[in-house]
C-alpha atoms as a PDB file:
ATOM      1  CA  MET A   1     -30.081  10.648   4.060  1.00  0.00           C
ATOM      2  CA  ILE A   2     -27.484  10.292   7.251  1.00  0.00           C
ATOM      3  CA  ASP A   3     -27.061   6.728   7.467  1.00  0.00           C
ATOM      4  CA  LYS A   4     -27.077   5.299  10.960  1.00  0.00           C
ATOM      5  CA  LYS A   5     -23.089   5.113  11.260  1.00  0.00           C
ATOM      6  CA  THR A   6     -22.608   8.821  10.325  1.00  0.00           C
ATOM      7  CA  VAL A   7     -25.395   9.200  13.252  1.00  0.00           C
ATOM      8  CA  GLU A   8     -23.293   6.944  15.939  1.00  0.00           C
ATOM      9  CA  HIS A   9     -20.132   8.189  14.815  1.00  0.00           C
ATOM     10  CA  VAL A  10     -21.299  12.027  16.101  1.00  0.00           C
ATOM     11  CA  ALA A  11     -23.369  10.148  18.964  1.00  0.00           C
ATOM     12  CA  SER A  12     -19.999   9.135  20.533  1.00  0.00           C
ATOM     13  CA  LEU A  13     -17.831  12.145  19.779  1.00  0.00           C
ATOM     14  CA  ALA A  14     -20.540  13.419  21.984  1.00  0.00           C
ATOM     15  CA  ARG A  15     -20.318  10.839  24.490  1.00  0.00           C
ATOM     16  CA  ILE A  16     -23.632  10.121  24.536  1.00  0.00           C
ATOM     17  CA  LYS A  17     -25.695   6.600  24.020  1.00  0.00           C
ATOM     18  CA  LEU A  18     -28.321   6.565  21.752  1.00  0.00           C
ATOM     19  CA  THR A  19     -30.694   3.932  21.419  1.00  0.00           C
ATOM     20  CA  ASP A  20     -31.795   2.454  17.804  1.00  0.00           C
ATOM     21  CA  GLU A  21     -34.867   4.374  18.174  1.00  0.00           C
ATOM     22  CA  GLU A  22     -32.751   7.465  18.854  1.00  0.00           C
ATOM     23  CA  ILE A  23     -30.699   6.777  15.983  1.00  0.00           C
ATOM     24  CA  ALA A  24     -32.933   6.232  13.441  1.00  0.00           C
ATOM     25  CA  LYS A  25     -35.236   9.337  14.597  1.00  0.00           C
ATOM     26  CA  PHE A  26     -32.127  11.574  14.800  1.00  0.00           C
ATOM     27  CA  SER A  27     -30.837  10.215  11.131  1.00  0.00           C
ATOM     28  CA  GLU A  28     -34.530  11.392   9.594  1.00  0.00           C
ATOM     29  CA  ASP A  29     -34.088  14.992  11.929  1.00  0.00           C
ATOM     30  CA  LEU A  30     -30.511  15.537  10.561  1.00  0.00           C
ATOM     31  CA  SER A  31     -31.320  14.721   7.131  1.00  0.00           C
ATOM     32  CA  GLY A  32     -34.556  17.077   7.229  1.00  0.00           C
ATOM     33  CA  ILE A  33     -31.783  20.042   8.901  1.00  0.00           C
ATOM     34  CA  LEU A  34     -29.604  19.570   6.021  1.00  0.00           C
ATOM     35  CA  ASP A  35     -31.758  19.439   3.457  1.00  0.00           C
ATOM     36  CA  ALA A  36     -33.465  22.724   4.516  1.00  0.00           C
ATOM     37  CA  PHE A  37     -29.896  24.110   4.635  1.00  0.00           C
ATOM     38  CA  SER A  38     -29.264  22.823   1.157  1.00  0.00           C
ATOM     39  CA  SER A  39     -31.901  25.276  -0.328  1.00  0.00           C
ATOM     40  CA  LEU A  40     -29.494  27.977   0.518  1.00  0.00           C
ATOM     41  CA  ASN A  41     -27.334  26.771  -2.402  1.00  0.00           C
ATOM     42  CA  GLU A  42     -29.938  28.314  -4.544  1.00  0.00           C
ATOM     43  CA  VAL A  43     -29.670  31.703  -3.493  1.00  0.00           C
ATOM     44  CA  ASP A  44     -27.742  34.248  -5.911  1.00  0.00           C
ATOM     45  CA  ILE A  45     -24.902  35.675  -4.347  1.00  0.00           C
ATOM     46  CA  GLU A  46     -23.181  37.243  -6.966  1.00  0.00           C
ATOM     47  CA  ASP A  47     -23.133  40.626  -6.737  1.00  0.00           C
ATOM     48  CA  VAL A  48     -23.201  40.673  -2.598  1.00  0.00           C
ATOM     49  CA  LYS A  49     -20.038  41.467  -1.070  1.00  0.00           C
ATOM     50  CA  PRO A  50     -18.928  39.279   2.083  1.00  0.00           C
ATOM     51  CA  SER A  51     -20.043  40.368   5.648  1.00  0.00           C
ATOM     52  CA  PHE A  52     -17.919  39.565   8.728  1.00  0.00           C
ATOM     53  CA  HIS A  53     -20.586  41.240  11.127  1.00  0.00           C
ATOM     54  CA  ALA A  54     -24.871  41.947  10.391  1.00  0.00           C
ATOM     55  CA  ILE A  55     -24.337  45.916  11.540  1.00  0.00           C
ATOM     56  CA  GLU A  56     -21.077  47.919  10.704  1.00  0.00           C
ATOM     57  CA  MET A  57     -18.520  47.567  13.748  1.00  0.00           C
ATOM     58  CA  LYS A  58     -16.255  50.966  14.695  1.00  0.00           C
ATOM     59  CA  ASN A  59     -13.461  50.899  16.975  1.00  0.00           C
ATOM     60  CA  VAL A  60     -14.949  52.533  20.696  1.00  0.00           C
ATOM     61  CA  VAL A  61     -11.619  52.683  22.909  1.00  0.00           C
ATOM     62  CA  ARG A  62     -10.800  56.096  23.599  1.00  0.00           C
ATOM     63  CA  GLU A  63      -7.349  57.431  22.058  1.00  0.00           C
ATOM     64  CA  ASP A  64      -4.568  57.292  24.397  1.00  0.00           C
ATOM     65  CA  LYS A  65      -3.946  60.944  26.463  1.00  0.00           C
ATOM     66  CA  LYS A  66      -0.991  61.568  29.015  1.00  0.00           C
ATOM     67  CA  GLU A  67      -2.255  62.521  32.344  1.00  0.00           C
ATOM     68  CA  GLU A  68      -1.425  63.702  35.299  1.00  0.00           C
ATOM     69  CA  CYS A  69      -1.339  60.657  37.940  1.00  0.00           C
ATOM     70  CA  LEU A  70      -1.989  59.984  40.964  1.00  0.00           C
ATOM     71  CA  SER A  71       0.531  60.517  43.989  1.00  0.00           C
ATOM     72  CA  GLN A  72       1.359  57.842  46.039  1.00  0.00           C
ATOM     73  CA  GLU A  73      -0.067  59.050  49.135  1.00  0.00           C
ATOM     74  CA  GLU A  74      -3.649  60.249  46.951  1.00  0.00           C
ATOM     75  CA  ALA A  75      -3.652  55.887  45.480  1.00  0.00           C
ATOM     76  CA  LEU A  76      -3.438  54.583  48.943  1.00  0.00           C
ATOM     77  CA  ALA A  77      -5.864  57.260  50.645  1.00  0.00           C
ATOM     78  CA  ASN A  78      -8.668  55.070  50.547  1.00  0.00           C
ATOM     79  CA  ALA A  79      -7.091  52.234  51.043  1.00  0.00           C
ATOM     80  CA  GLU A  80      -8.079  49.606  53.997  1.00  0.00           C
ATOM     81  CA  GLN A  81      -4.976  47.764  54.020  1.00  0.00           C
ATOM     82  CA  LYS A  82      -1.646  49.308  53.304  1.00  0.00           C
ATOM     83  CA  GLU A  83       1.966  48.359  54.338  1.00  0.00           C
ATOM     84  CA  ASP A  84       5.400  50.763  53.547  1.00  0.00           C
ATOM     85  CA  LYS A  85       3.348  52.973  51.123  1.00  0.00           C
ATOM     86  CA  MET A  86       1.902  49.441  49.657  1.00  0.00           C
ATOM     87  CA  PHE A  87      -1.600  48.086  49.008  1.00  0.00           C
ATOM     88  CA  LYS A  88      -1.213  44.504  51.307  1.00  0.00           C
ATOM     89  CA  GLY A  89      -3.470  42.183  50.137  1.00  0.00           C
ATOM     90  CA  PRO A  90      -4.627  38.523  50.990  1.00  0.00           C
ATOM     91  CA  ARG A  91      -1.401  36.476  50.878  1.00  0.00           C
ATOM     92  CA  ALA A  92      -1.030  34.110  47.848  1.00  0.00           C
ATOM     93  CA  VAL A  93       0.219  30.379  48.034  1.00  0.00           C
END
């Protein structure tokens, strides 16, 4: 069973204040949660390979390919604000 001191410590880490009734309730609740998770220790995992993802992950990024770039005029063609062949944006201070 989780004791009052442990609940108070966790509450202080979370920066919350608990009444004595709340401390008693959380002590019971957290003990029940830990008991439920302790049942996982009984599961036989001898022949189970470790898994880091529930589903198989693969790289979805495309391969880099050299392609023709836009000319400076084409890149600036739809820009509302441009100056001296450059994009013009808001001033950053």
